[in-house]
């Protein structure tokens, strides 16, 4: 899927990220690995993709001032946010 198609509004973006987390879980990827991949993806997005909405702009600004530990926390929180459903992803 082309990132430009889902990088339009906040709800579509969250739904896309939630589907990615769910897919990884179905493949048996550990929660720790998902969190590490989320942080790597966050860095790629921060470096290469312009924010498409105010929420993404705020995340990009937070990412730009965060240290490594804070970036991991932001990635964890985003992963938790997009997976907040009964029986879904829980905090680390």
Protein backbone atom coordinates (compact mmCIF):
# COMPACT_ATOMS: atom_id res chain seq x y z
CA UNK A 1 0.00 0.00 0.00
CA UNK A 2 1.23 3.44 -0.89
CA UNK A 3 1.86 5.53 2.23
CA UNK A 4 0.48 8.59 0.45
CA UNK A 5 -2.93 6.91 0.27
CA UNK A 6 -3.18 6.45 4.04
CA UNK A 7 -1.26 9.53 5.12
CA UNK A 8 -4.27 11.79 4.74
CA UNK A 9 -6.16 12.17 7.97
CA UNK A 10 -5.48 11.10 11.54
CA UNK A 11 -8.15 8.39 11.77
CA UNK A 12 -7.07 6.76 8.49
CA UNK A 13 -3.45 6.87 9.63
CA UNK A 14 -4.27 5.26 12.98
CA UNK A 15 -6.33 2.57 11.25
CA UNK A 16 -3.41 1.81 8.89
CA UNK A 17 -0.94 1.57 11.78
CA UNK A 18 -3.35 -0.61 13.76
CA UNK A 19 -3.64 -3.01 10.83
CA UNK A 20 0.15 -3.20 10.58
CA UNK A 21 0.45 -4.04 14.29
CA UNK A 22 -2.32 -6.62 14.05
CA UNK A 23 -0.65 -8.23 11.02
CA UNK A 24 2.69 -8.41 12.84
CA UNK A 25 1.00 -9.99 15.86
CA UNK A 26 -0.69 -12.57 13.63
CA UNK A 27 2.73 -13.44 12.21
CA UNK A 28 3.99 -14.05 15.72
CA UNK A 29 6.24 -11.00 15.95
CA UNK A 30 6.99 -10.24 19.59
CA UNK A 31 5.71 -7.05 21.18
CA UNK A 32 9.27 -5.95 21.85
CA UNK A 33 10.14 -6.38 18.17
CA UNK A 34 7.00 -4.51 17.10
CA UNK A 35 8.00 -1.62 19.37
CA UNK A 36 11.52 -1.55 17.92
CA UNK A 37 10.15 -1.59 14.39
CA UNK A 38 7.73 1.20 15.31
CA UNK A 39 10.64 3.33 16.46
CA UNK A 40 12.56 2.66 13.24
CA UNK A 41 9.47 3.51 11.20
CA UNK A 42 9.02 6.70 13.22
CA UNK A 43 12.52 7.79 12.33
CA UNK A 44 12.02 7.06 8.63
CA UNK A 45 8.74 8.97 8.63
CA UNK A 46 10.23 11.90 10.54
CA UNK A 47 13.10 12.08 8.05
CA UNK A 48 11.20 11.53 4.82
CA UNK A 49 7.45 12.14 5.02
CA UNK A 50 5.80 15.51 5.42
CA UNK A 51 3.04 15.56 8.07
CA UNK A 52 -0.39 15.39 6.43
CA UNK A 53 -2.39 16.70 9.37
CA UNK A 54 -1.95 18.64 12.63
CA UNK A 55 -1.59 15.50 14.75
CA UNK A 56 1.28 14.19 12.62
CA UNK A 57 2.89 17.63 12.72
CA UNK A 58 2.79 17.59 16.53
CA UNK A 59 4.30 14.08 16.59
CA UNK A 60 7.07 15.15 14.21
CA UNK A 61 7.88 18.15 16.40
CA UNK A 62 7.99 15.97 19.52
CA UNK A 63 10.16 13.43 17.69
CA UNK A 64 12.61 16.15 16.64
CA UNK A 65 13.33 17.16 20.25
CA UNK A 66 13.18 13.68 21.80
CA UNK A 67 16.21 11.67 22.88
CA UNK A 68 16.45 7.95 22.06
CA UNK A 69 14.50 6.83 25.15
CA UNK A 70 11.76 9.38 24.50
CA UNK A 71 11.49 8.28 20.86
CA UNK A 72 11.02 4.69 22.04
CA UNK A 73 8.30 5.90 24.40
CA UNK A 74 6.54 7.79 21.59
CA UNK A 75 6.70 4.69 19.40
CA UNK A 76 5.32 2.58 22.26
CA UNK A 77 2.50 5.05 22.86
CA UNK A 78 1.55 5.19 19.19
CA UNK A 79 1.56 1.40 19.00
CA UNK A 80 -0.62 1.25 22.09
CA UNK A 81 -2.95 3.96 20.77
CA UNK A 82 -3.62 2.23 17.46
CA UNK A 83 -4.14 -1.11 19.20
CA UNK A 84 -6.43 -0.01 22.00
CA UNK A 85 -9.11 -2.61 21.56
CA UNK A 86 -10.23 -5.45 23.85
CA UNK A 87 -7.61 -8.16 23.81
CA UNK A 88 -5.26 -5.98 21.77
CA UNK A 89 -1.80 -4.64 22.32
CA UNK A 90 -0.93 -3.66 25.87
CA UNK A 91 1.74 -1.43 27.36
CA UNK A 92 5.24 -2.82 27.80
